[in-house]
Amino acid sequence: MYLVHIHLVPHPRGDLLPDCTRAAITAAAADIAEVVHIALHPDAKPGPVIGVYLAFDSLRAAEAAALDIWDAARCRHAYLRNWELVRAEVPIMPIMPGYDG
């Protein structure tokens, strides 16, 4: 399982991602069985983040699928075309001191 963050540039007018964005991303991901959950963080800094949880065996496949989902959602929903992609990647988390897991 991978959590891919789709990072977006802040909107030029300072707008937040609309609430319907989660539904648009979910609909764009409908044909991808590996999608487990979509999370929306419209007020993240420096720009909005869409979290896509994917049950793929490889990091590369998960990140590629997240990019495909974003591209499909932008093609289907004109209001998303004003949002520019920065990157789509799995965040690397540092190991906590004392963690033995």
PDB file of N, CA and C in Angstrom:
ATOM      1  N   MET A   1       0.852  -1.180   0.000  1.00  0.00           N
ATOM      2  CA  MET A   1       0.000   0.000   0.000  1.00  0.00           C
ATOM      3  C   MET A   1       0.888   1.228   0.000  1.00  0.00           C
ATOM      4  N   TYR A   2       0.526   2.184  -0.842  1.00  0.00           N
ATOM      5  CA  TYR A   2       1.269   3.434  -0.941  1.00  0.00           C
ATOM      6  C   TYR A   2       0.318   4.612  -0.810  1.00  0.00           C
ATOM      7  N   LEU A   3       0.787   5.652  -0.160  1.00  0.00           N
ATOM      8  CA  LEU A   3       0.090   6.930  -0.123  1.00  0.00           C
ATOM      9  C   LEU A   3       0.866   7.861  -1.047  1.00  0.00           C
ATOM     10  N   VAL A   4       0.244   8.258  -2.140  1.00  0.00           N
ATOM     11  CA  VAL A   4       0.870   9.186  -3.075  1.00  0.00           C
ATOM     12  C   VAL A   4       0.253  10.559  -2.848  1.00  0.00           C
ATOM     13  N   HIS A   5       1.110  11.547  -2.655  1.00  0.00           N
ATOM     14  CA  HIS A   5       0.657  12.931  -2.527  1.00  0.00           C
ATOM     15  C   HIS A   5       0.760  13.614  -3.881  1.00  0.00           C
ATOM     16  N   ILE A   6      -0.355  14.178  -4.317  1.00  0.00           N
ATOM     17  CA  ILE A   6      -0.387  15.002  -5.520  1.00  0.00           C
ATOM     18  C   ILE A   6      -0.314  16.449  -5.030  1.00  0.00           C
ATOM     19  N   HIS A   7       0.825  17.090  -5.255  1.00  0.00           N
ATOM     20  CA  HIS A   7       1.047  18.465  -4.804  1.00  0.00           C
ATOM     21  C   HIS A   7       0.704  19.428  -5.935  1.00  0.00           C
ATOM     22  N   LEU A   8      -0.038  20.467  -5.586  1.00  0.00           N
ATOM     23  CA  LEU A   8      -0.463  21.457  -6.565  1.00  0.00           C
ATOM     24  C   LEU A   8       0.076  22.840  -6.205  1.00  0.00           C
ATOM     25  N   VAL A   9       0.277  23.658  -7.226  1.00  0.00           N
ATOM     26  CA  VAL A   9       0.663  25.048  -7.025  1.00  0.00           C
ATOM     27  C   VAL A   9      -0.557  25.774  -6.453  1.00  0.00           C
ATOM     28  N   PRO A  10      -0.349  26.699  -5.506  1.00  0.00           N
ATOM     29  CA  PRO A  10      -1.494  27.484  -5.030  1.00  0.00           C
ATOM     30  C   PRO A  10      -2.202  28.165  -6.202  1.00  0.00           C
ATOM     31  N   HIS A  11      -3.501  28.280  -6.106  1.00  0.00           N
ATOM     32  CA  HIS A  11      -4.287  28.904  -7.167  1.00  0.00           C
ATOM     33  C   HIS A  11      -3.858  30.362  -7.338  1.00  0.00           C
ATOM     34  N   PRO A  12      -3.778  30.852  -8.572  1.00  0.00           N
ATOM     35  CA  PRO A  12      -3.323  32.230  -8.814  1.00  0.00           C
ATOM     36  C   PRO A  12      -4.159  33.293  -8.095  1.00  0.00           C
ATOM     37  N   ARG A  13      -5.449  33.017  -7.864  1.00  0.00           N
ATOM     38  CA  ARG A  13      -6.317  33.975  -7.159  1.00  0.00           C
ATOM     39  C   ARG A  13      -6.421  33.675  -5.676  1.00  0.00           C
ATOM     40  N   GLY A  14      -5.694  32.636  -5.202  1.00  0.00           N
ATOM     41  CA  GLY A  14      -5.768  32.284  -3.788  1.00  0.00           C
ATOM     42  C   GLY A  14      -6.943  31.391  -3.442  1.00  0.00           C
ATOM     43  N   ASP A  15      -7.645  30.887  -4.447  1.00  0.00           N
ATOM     44  CA  ASP A  15      -8.796  30.012  -4.214  1.00  0.00           C
ATOM     45  C   ASP A  15      -8.351  28.697  -3.581  1.00  0.00           C
ATOM     46  N   LEU A  16      -9.245  28.100  -2.796  1.00  0.00           N
ATOM     47  CA  LEU A  16      -9.038  26.748  -2.291  1.00  0.00           C
ATOM     48  C   LEU A  16      -9.628  25.761  -3.293  1.00  0.00           C
ATOM     49  N   LEU A  17      -9.106  24.549  -3.281  1.00  0.00           N
ATOM     50  CA  LEU A  17      -9.735  23.504  -4.101  1.00  0.00           C
ATOM     51  C   LEU A  17     -11.186  23.354  -3.664  1.00  0.00           C
ATOM     52  N   PRO A  18     -12.117  23.299  -4.578  1.00  0.00           N
ATOM     53  CA  PRO A  18     -13.525  23.130  -4.206  1.00  0.00           C
ATOM     54  C   PRO A  18     -13.763  21.775  -3.540  1.00  0.00           C
ATOM     55  N   ASP A  19     -14.790  21.712  -2.698  1.00  0.00           N
ATOM     56  CA  ASP A  19     -15.146  20.470  -2.005  1.00  0.00           C
ATOM     57  C   ASP A  19     -15.431  19.333  -2.985  1.00  0.00           C
ATOM     58  N   CYS A  20     -15.917  19.647  -4.164  1.00  0.00           N
ATOM     59  CA  CYS A  20     -16.264  18.615  -5.140  1.00  0.00           C
ATOM     60  C   CYS A  20     -15.025  17.971  -5.777  1.00  0.00           C
ATOM     61  N   THR A  21     -13.840  18.461  -5.465  1.00  0.00           N
ATOM     62  CA  THR A  21     -12.621  17.899  -6.036  1.00  0.00           C
ATOM     63  C   THR A  21     -12.435  16.443  -5.633  1.00  0.00           C
ATOM     64  N   ARG A  22     -12.735  16.109  -4.399  1.00  0.00           N
ATOM     65  CA  ARG A  22     -12.584  14.714  -3.950  1.00  0.00           C
ATOM     66  C   ARG A  22     -13.461  13.792  -4.790  1.00  0.00           C
ATOM     67  N   ALA A  23     -14.682  14.206  -5.055  1.00  0.00           N
ATOM     68  CA  ALA A  23     -15.575  13.391  -5.888  1.00  0.00           C
ATOM     69  C   ALA A  23     -15.045  13.289  -7.319  1.00  0.00           C
ATOM     70  N   ALA A  24     -14.462  14.370  -7.836  1.00  0.00           N
ATOM     71  CA  ALA A  24     -13.906  14.344  -9.191  1.00  0.00           C
ATOM     72  C   ALA A  24     -12.722  13.382  -9.270  1.00  0.00           C
ATOM     73  N   ILE A  25     -11.857  13.398  -8.259  1.00  0.00           N
ATOM     74  CA  ILE A  25     -10.702  12.493  -8.238  1.00  0.00           C
ATOM     75  C   ILE A  25     -11.181  11.050  -8.072  1.00  0.00           C
ATOM     76  N   THR A  26     -12.149  10.838  -7.207  1.00  0.00           N
ATOM     77  CA  THR A  26     -12.702   9.495  -6.996  1.00  0.00           C
ATOM     78  C   THR A  26     -13.304   8.953  -8.290  1.00  0.00           C
ATOM     79  N   ALA A  27     -14.044   9.785  -9.013  1.00  0.00           N
ATOM     80  CA  ALA A  27     -14.640   9.354 -10.278  1.00  0.00           C
ATOM     81  C   ALA A  27     -13.563   9.040 -11.312  1.00  0.00           C
ATOM     82  N   ALA A  28     -12.509   9.845 -11.353  1.00  0.00           N
ATOM     83  CA  ALA A  28     -11.421   9.598 -12.307  1.00  0.00           C
ATOM     84  C   ALA A  28     -10.682   8.305 -11.985  1.00  0.00           C
ATOM     85  N   ALA A  29     -10.748   7.890 -10.722  1.00  0.00           N
ATOM     86  CA  ALA A  29     -10.057   6.673 -10.276  1.00  0.00           C
ATOM     87  C   ALA A  29     -10.950   5.436 -10.291  1.00  0.00           C
ATOM     88  N   ALA A  30     -12.168   5.583 -10.748  1.00  0.00           N
ATOM     89  CA  ALA A  30     -13.151   4.498 -10.655  1.00  0.00           C
ATOM     90  C   ALA A  30     -12.709   3.200 -11.316  1.00  0.00           C
ATOM     91  N   ASP A  31     -11.939   3.286 -12.385  1.00  0.00           N
ATOM     92  CA  ASP A  31     -11.518   2.084 -13.110  1.00  0.00           C
ATOM     93  C   ASP A  31     -10.234   1.467 -12.572  1.00  0.00           C
ATOM     94  N   ILE A  32      -9.677   2.052 -11.529  1.00  0.00           N
ATOM     95  CA  ILE A  32      -8.427   1.539 -10.964  1.00  0.00           C
ATOM     96  C   ILE A  32      -8.751   0.837  -9.655  1.00  0.00           C
ATOM     97  N   ALA A  33      -8.800  -0.486  -9.700  1.00  0.00           N
ATOM     98  CA  ALA A  33      -9.215  -1.286  -8.543  1.00  0.00           C
ATOM     99  C   ALA A  33      -8.302  -1.096  -7.344  1.00  0.00           C
ATOM    100  N   GLU A  34      -7.062  -0.710  -7.579  1.00  0.00           N
ATOM    101  CA  GLU A  34      -6.089  -0.576  -6.494  1.00  0.00           C
ATOM    102  C   GLU A  34      -6.289   0.673  -5.639  1.00  0.00           C
ATOM    103  N   VAL A  35      -7.145   1.595  -6.070  1.00  0.00           N
ATOM    104  CA  VAL A  35      -7.393   2.805  -5.282  1.00  0.00           C
ATOM    105  C   VAL A  35      -8.228   2.430  -4.058  1.00  0.00           C
ATOM    106  N   VAL A  36      -7.700   2.785  -2.902  1.00  0.00           N
ATOM    107  CA  VAL A  36      -8.356   2.446  -1.638  1.00  0.00           C
ATOM    108  C   VAL A  36      -9.068   3.651  -1.036  1.00  0.00           C
ATOM    109  N   HIS A  37      -8.448   4.818  -1.130  1.00  0.00           N
ATOM    110  CA  HIS A  37      -9.017   6.002  -0.468  1.00  0.00           C
ATOM    111  C   HIS A  37      -8.420   7.258  -1.095  1.00  0.00           C
ATOM    112  N   ILE A  38      -9.222   8.327  -1.105  1.00  0.00           N
ATOM    113  CA  ILE A  38      -8.781   9.635  -1.574  1.00  0.00           C
ATOM    114  C   ILE A  38      -8.962  10.622  -0.427  1.00  0.00           C
ATOM    115  N   ALA A  39      -7.931  11.403  -0.142  1.00  0.00           N
ATOM    116  CA  ALA A  39      -8.010  12.443   0.893  1.00  0.00           C
ATOM    117  C   ALA A  39      -7.668  13.776   0.250  1.00  0.00           C
ATOM    118  N   LEU A  40      -8.349  14.818   0.673  1.00  0.00           N
ATOM    119  CA  LEU A  40      -8.142  16.147   0.115  1.00  0.00           C
ATOM    120  C   LEU A  40      -7.685  17.084   1.225  1.00  0.00           C
ATOM    121  N   HIS A  41      -6.598  17.808   0.957  1.00  0.00           N
ATOM    122  CA  HIS A  41      -6.068  18.796   1.905  1.00  0.00           C
ATOM    123  C   HIS A  41      -5.988  20.139   1.168  1.00  0.00           C
ATOM    124  N   PRO A  42      -7.139  20.822   1.033  1.00  0.00           N
ATOM    125  CA  PRO A  42      -7.200  22.023   0.199  1.00  0.00           C
ATOM    126  C   PRO A  42      -6.419  23.209   0.751  1.00  0.00           C
ATOM    127  N   ASP A  43      -6.181  23.233   2.064  1.00  0.00           N
ATOM    128  CA  ASP A  43      -5.500  24.384   2.658  1.00  0.00           C
ATOM    129  C   ASP A  43      -4.066  24.072   3.101  1.00  0.00           C
ATOM    130  N   ALA A  44      -3.494  22.982   2.588  1.00  0.00           N
ATOM    131  CA  ALA A  44      -2.104  22.638   2.909  1.00  0.00           C
ATOM    132  C   ALA A  44      -1.181  23.737   2.381  1.00  0.00           C
ATOM    133  N   LYS A  45      -0.069  23.904   3.030  1.00  0.00           N
ATOM    134  CA  LYS A  45       0.914  24.905   2.618  1.00  0.00           C
ATOM    135  C   LYS A  45       2.158  24.213   2.088  1.00  0.00           C
ATOM    136  N   PRO A  46       2.768  24.641   1.026  1.00  0.00           N
ATOM    137  CA  PRO A  46       2.482  25.892   0.334  1.00  0.00           C
ATOM    138  C   PRO A  46       1.307  25.810  -0.627  1.00  0.00           C
ATOM    139  N   GLY A  47       0.872  24.597  -1.007  1.00  0.00           N
ATOM    140  CA  GLY A  47      -0.264  24.461  -1.914  1.00  0.00           C
ATOM    141  C   GLY A  47      -1.073  23.238  -1.561  1.00  0.00           C
ATOM    142  N   PRO A  48      -2.244  23.097  -2.158  1.00  0.00           N
ATOM    143  CA  PRO A  48      -3.121  21.970  -1.843  1.00  0.00           C
ATOM    144  C   PRO A  48      -2.469  20.625  -2.169  1.00  0.00           C
ATOM    145  N   VAL A  49      -2.912  19.614  -1.421  1.00  0.00           N
ATOM    146  CA  VAL A  49      -2.406  18.248  -1.607  1.00  0.00           C
ATOM    147  C   VAL A  49      -3.595  17.300  -1.675  1.00  0.00           C
ATOM    148  N   ILE A  50      -3.518  16.385  -2.634  1.00  0.00           N
ATOM    149  CA  ILE A  50      -4.504  15.311  -2.744  1.00  0.00           C
ATOM    150  C   ILE A  50      -3.763  14.028  -2.398  1.00  0.00           C
ATOM    151  N   GLY A  51      -4.264  13.297  -1.413  1.00  0.00           N
ATOM    152  CA  GLY A  51      -3.663  12.030  -1.020  1.00  0.00           C
ATOM    153  C   GLY A  51      -4.419  10.878  -1.660  1.00  0.00           C
ATOM    154  N   VAL A  52      -3.687  10.003  -2.315  1.00  0.00           N
ATOM    155  CA  VAL A  52      -4.300   8.841  -2.964  1.00  0.00           C
ATOM    156  C   VAL A  52      -3.642   7.586  -2.382  1.00  0.00           C
ATOM    157  N   TYR A  53      -4.448   6.773  -1.706  1.00  0.00           N
ATOM    158  CA  TYR A  53      -3.963   5.502  -1.160  1.00  0.00           C
ATOM    159  C   TYR A  53      -4.189   4.423  -2.210  1.00  0.00           C
ATOM    160  N   LEU A  54      -3.107   3.744  -2.597  1.00  0.00           N
ATOM    161  CA  LEU A  54      -3.163   2.749  -3.665  1.00  0.00           C
ATOM    162  C   LEU A  54      -2.541   1.436  -3.212  1.00  0.00           C
ATOM    163  N   ALA A  55      -3.204   0.342  -3.508  1.00  0.00           N
ATOM    164  CA  ALA A  55      -2.721  -0.996  -3.139  1.00  0.00           C
ATOM    165  C   ALA A  55      -1.963  -1.614  -4.302  1.00  0.00           C
ATOM    166  N   PHE A  56      -0.840  -1.002  -4.653  1.00  0.00           N
ATOM    167  CA  PHE A  56       0.032  -1.531  -5.700  1.00  0.00           C
ATOM    168  C   PHE A  56       1.235  -2.208  -5.055  1.00  0.00           C
ATOM    169  N   ASP A  57       1.874  -3.097  -5.809  1.00  0.00           N
ATOM    170  CA  ASP A  57       3.076  -3.760  -5.325  1.00  0.00           C
ATOM    171  C   ASP A  57       4.328  -2.926  -5.534  1.00  0.00           C
ATOM    172  N   SER A  58       4.250  -1.906  -6.379  1.00  0.00           N
ATOM    173  CA  SER A  58       5.453  -1.121  -6.640  1.00  0.00           C
ATOM    174  C   SER A  58       5.180   0.371  -6.480  1.00  0.00           C
ATOM    175  N   LEU A  59       6.173   1.056  -5.991  1.00  0.00           N
ATOM    176  CA  LEU A  59       6.126   2.503  -5.828  1.00  0.00           C
ATOM    177  C   LEU A  59       5.909   3.182  -7.174  1.00  0.00           C
ATOM    178  N   ARG A  60       6.643   2.747  -8.175  1.00  0.00           N
ATOM    179  CA  ARG A  60       6.546   3.344  -9.509  1.00  0.00           C
ATOM    180  C   ARG A  60       5.122   3.239 -10.061  1.00  0.00           C
ATOM    181  N   ALA A  61       4.482   2.078  -9.891  1.00  0.00           N
ATOM    182  CA  ALA A  61       3.112   1.884 -10.387  1.00  0.00           C
ATOM    183  C   ALA A  61       2.134   2.787  -9.644  1.00  0.00           C
ATOM    184  N   ALA A  62       2.315   2.928  -8.327  1.00  0.00           N
ATOM    185  CA  ALA A  62       1.431   3.775  -7.533  1.00  0.00           C
ATOM    186  C   ALA A  62       1.548   5.238  -7.952  1.00  0.00           C
ATOM    187  N   GLU A  63       2.770   5.718  -8.110  1.00  0.00           N
ATOM    188  CA  GLU A  63       2.958   7.112  -8.509  1.00  0.00           C
ATOM    189  C   GLU A  63       2.434   7.358  -9.924  1.00  0.00           C
ATOM    190  N   ALA A  64       2.649   6.419 -10.826  1.00  0.00           N
ATOM    191  CA  ALA A  64       2.147   6.561 -12.198  1.00  0.00           C
ATOM    192  C   ALA A  64       0.619   6.593 -12.216  1.00  0.00           C
ATOM    193  N   ALA A  65      -0.007   5.739 -11.419  1.00  0.00           N
ATOM    194  CA  ALA A  65      -1.470   5.709 -11.365  1.00  0.00           C
ATOM    195  C   ALA A  65      -2.020   7.017 -10.808  1.00  0.00           C
ATOM    196  N   ALA A  66      -1.381   7.562  -9.797  1.00  0.00           N
ATOM    197  CA  ALA A  66      -1.828   8.836  -9.227  1.00  0.00           C
ATOM    198  C   ALA A  66      -1.752   9.949 -10.277  1.00  0.00           C
ATOM    199  N   LEU A  67      -0.676   9.971 -11.050  1.00  0.00           N
ATOM    200  CA  LEU A  67      -0.565  10.959 -12.133  1.00  0.00           C
ATOM    201  C   LEU A  67      -1.666  10.772 -13.167  1.00  0.00           C
ATOM    202  N   ASP A  68      -1.957   9.527 -13.519  1.00  0.00           N
ATOM    203  CA  ASP A  68      -3.028   9.245 -14.481  1.00  0.00           C
ATOM    204  C   ASP A  68      -4.380   9.708 -13.947  1.00  0.00           C
ATOM    205  N   ILE A  69      -4.605   9.502 -12.665  1.00  0.00           N
ATOM    206  CA  ILE A  69      -5.871   9.918 -12.037  1.00  0.00           C
ATOM    207  C   ILE A  69      -5.999  11.442 -12.101  1.00  0.00           C
ATOM    208  N   TRP A  70      -4.932  12.145 -11.741  1.00  0.00           N
ATOM    209  CA  TRP A  70      -4.954  13.608 -11.795  1.00  0.00           C
ATOM    210  C   TRP A  70      -5.207  14.097 -13.220  1.00  0.00           C
ATOM    211  N   ASP A  71      -4.507  13.529 -14.180  1.00  0.00           N
ATOM    212  CA  ASP A  71      -4.693  13.933 -15.578  1.00  0.00           C
ATOM    213  C   ASP A  71      -6.128  13.688 -16.038  1.00  0.00           C
ATOM    214  N   ALA A  72      -6.686  12.539 -15.677  1.00  0.00           N
ATOM    215  CA  ALA A  72      -8.069  12.222 -16.074  1.00  0.00           C
ATOM    216  C   ALA A  72      -9.057  13.189 -15.437  1.00  0.00           C
ATOM    217  N   ALA A  73      -8.864  13.499 -14.166  1.00  0.00           N
ATOM    218  CA  ALA A  73      -9.773  14.429 -13.481  1.00  0.00           C
ATOM    219  C   ALA A  73      -9.700  15.810 -14.115  1.00  0.00           C
ATOM    220  N   ARG A  74      -8.499  16.277 -14.458  1.00  0.00           N
ATOM    221  CA  ARG A  74      -8.344  17.592 -15.095  1.00  0.00           C
ATOM    222  C   ARG A  74      -9.006  17.618 -16.469  1.00  0.00           C
ATOM    223  N   CYS A  75      -8.934  16.520 -17.197  1.00  0.00           N
ATOM    224  CA  CYS A  75      -9.569  16.461 -18.523  1.00  0.00           C
ATOM    225  C   CYS A  75     -11.088  16.497 -18.415  1.00  0.00           C
ATOM    226  N   ARG A  76     -11.628  15.891 -17.382  1.00  0.00           N
ATOM    227  CA  ARG A  76     -13.086  15.782 -17.232  1.00  0.00           C
ATOM    228  C   ARG A  76     -13.724  17.001 -16.554  1.00  0.00           C
ATOM    229  N   HIS A  77     -12.952  17.763 -15.801  1.00  0.00           N
ATOM    230  CA  HIS A  77     -13.516  18.854 -14.988  1.00  0.00           C
ATOM    231  C   HIS A  77     -12.743  20.135 -15.249  1.00  0.00           C
ATOM    232  N   ALA A  78     -13.376  21.042 -15.965  1.00  0.00           N
ATOM    233  CA  ALA A  78     -12.712  22.277 -16.390  1.00  0.00           C
ATOM    234  C   ALA A  78     -12.170  23.083 -15.218  1.00  0.00           C
ATOM    235  N   TYR A  79     -12.851  23.088 -14.076  1.00  0.00           N
ATOM    236  CA  TYR A  79     -12.382  23.891 -12.950  1.00  0.00           C
ATOM    237  C   TYR A  79     -11.034  23.414 -12.418  1.00  0.00           C
ATOM    238  N   LEU A  80     -10.650  22.167 -12.682  1.00  0.00           N
ATOM    239  CA  LEU A  80      -9.351  21.673 -12.230  1.00  0.00           C
ATOM    240  C   LEU A  80      -8.210  22.092 -13.157  1.00  0.00           C
ATOM    241  N   ARG A  81      -8.531  22.581 -14.322  1.00  0.00           N
ATOM    242  CA  ARG A  81      -7.484  22.970 -15.274  1.00  0.00           C
ATOM    243  C   ARG A  81      -6.725  24.213 -14.819  1.00  0.00           C
ATOM    244  N   ASN A  82      -7.273  24.942 -13.859  1.00  0.00           N
ATOM    245  CA  ASN A  82      -6.582  26.109 -13.300  1.00  0.00           C
ATOM    246  C   ASN A  82      -5.565  25.733 -12.228  1.00  0.00           C
ATOM    247  N   TRP A  83      -5.459  24.457 -11.928  1.00  0.00           N
ATOM    248  CA  TRP A  83      -4.539  23.993 -10.887  1.00  0.00           C
ATOM    249  C   TRP A  83      -3.363  23.297 -11.542  1.00  0.00           C
ATOM    250  N   GLU A  84      -2.158  23.772 -11.232  1.00  0.00           N
ATOM    251  CA  GLU A  84      -0.943  23.232 -11.834  1.00  0.00           C
ATOM    252  C   GLU A  84      -0.286  22.204 -10.912  1.00  0.00           C
ATOM    253  N   LEU A  85       0.087  21.087 -11.492  1.00  0.00           N
ATOM    254  CA  LEU A  85       0.762  20.017 -10.759  1.00  0.00           C
ATOM    255  C   LEU A  85       2.208  20.408 -10.454  1.00  0.00           C
ATOM    256  N   VAL A  86       2.613  20.180  -9.207  1.00  0.00           N
ATOM    257  CA  VAL A  86       4.015  20.342  -8.829  1.00  0.00           C
ATOM    258  C   VAL A  86       4.710  18.994  -8.949  1.00  0.00           C
ATOM    259  N   ARG A  87       4.116  17.984  -8.291  1.00  0.00           N
ATOM    260  CA  ARG A  87       4.668  16.628  -8.328  1.00  0.00           C
ATOM    261  C   ARG A  87       3.649  15.668  -7.730  1.00  0.00           C
ATOM    262  N   ALA A  88       3.844  14.393  -8.031  1.00  0.00           N
ATOM    263  CA  ALA A  88       3.051  13.320  -7.420  1.00  0.00           C
ATOM    264  C   ALA A  88       4.045  12.272  -6.962  1.00  0.00           C
ATOM    265  N   GLU A  89       4.133  12.097  -5.649  1.00  0.00           N
ATOM    266  CA  GLU A  89       5.134  11.176  -5.124  1.00  0.00           C
ATOM    267  C   GLU A  89       4.738  10.657  -3.754  1.00  0.00           C
ATOM    268  N   VAL A  90       5.325   9.530  -3.397  1.00  0.00           N
ATOM    269  CA  VAL A  90       5.158   8.985  -2.057  1.00  0.00           C
ATOM    270  C   VAL A  90       6.072   9.779  -1.138  1.00  0.00           C
ATOM    271  N   PRO A  91       5.532  10.338  -0.052  1.00  0.00           N
ATOM    272  CA  PRO A  91       6.397  11.087   0.861  1.00  0.00           C
ATOM    273  C   PRO A  91       7.340  10.140   1.601  1.00  0.00           C
ATOM    274  N   ILE A  92       8.570  10.543   1.726  1.00  0.00           N
ATOM    275  CA  ILE A  92       9.553   9.761   2.456  1.00  0.00           C
ATOM    276  C   ILE A  92       9.514  10.234   3.910  1.00  0.00           C
ATOM    277  N   MET A  93       9.261   9.307   4.799  1.00  0.00           N
ATOM    278  CA  MET A  93       9.155   9.630   6.220  1.00  0.00           C
ATOM    279  C   MET A  93      10.432   9.187   6.941  1.00  0.00           C
ATOM    280  N   PRO A  94      11.006  10.066   7.740  1.00  0.00           N
ATOM    281  CA  PRO A  94      12.189   9.666   8.499  1.00  0.00           C
ATOM    282  C   PRO A  94      11.803   8.661   9.588  1.00  0.00           C
ATOM    283  N   ILE A  95      12.725   7.771   9.908  1.00  0.00           N
ATOM    284  CA  ILE A  95      12.498   6.823  10.995  1.00  0.00           C
ATOM    285  C   ILE A  95      12.643   7.552  12.310  1.00  0.00           C
ATOM    286  N   MET A  96      11.706   7.323  13.200  1.00  0.00           N
ATOM    287  CA  MET A  96      11.714   7.967  14.503  1.00  0.00           C
ATOM    288  C   MET A  96      12.805   7.350  15.388  1.00  0.00           C
ATOM    289  N   PRO A  97      13.522   8.181  16.151  1.00  0.00           N
ATOM    290  CA  PRO A  97      14.507   7.617  17.074  1.00  0.00           C
ATOM    291  C   PRO A  97      13.840   6.658  18.045  1.00  0.00           C
ATOM    292  N   GLY A  98      14.462   5.533  18.264  1.00  0.00           N
ATOM    293  CA  GLY A  98      13.919   4.538  19.181  1.00  0.00           C
ATOM    294  C   GLY A  98      12.966   3.548  18.545  1.00  0.00           C
ATOM    295  N   TYR A  99      12.623   3.763  17.257  1.00  0.00           N
ATOM    296  CA  TYR A  99      11.701   2.848  16.558  1.00  0.00           C
ATOM    297  C   TYR A  99      12.434   1.550  16.256  1.00  0.00           C
ATOM    298  N   ASP A 100      11.817   0.435  16.609  1.00  0.00           N
ATOM    299  CA  ASP A 100      12.465  -0.862  16.345  1.00  0.00           C
ATOM    300  C   ASP A 100      11.631  -1.757  15.460  1.00  0.00           C
ATOM    301  N   GLY A 101      10.583  -1.184  14.855  1.00  0.00           N
ATOM    302  CA  GLY A 101       9.596  -1.915  14.125  1.00  0.00           C
ATOM    303  C   GLY A 101       9.993  -2.542  12.875  1.00  0.00           C
TER     304      GLY A 101
END
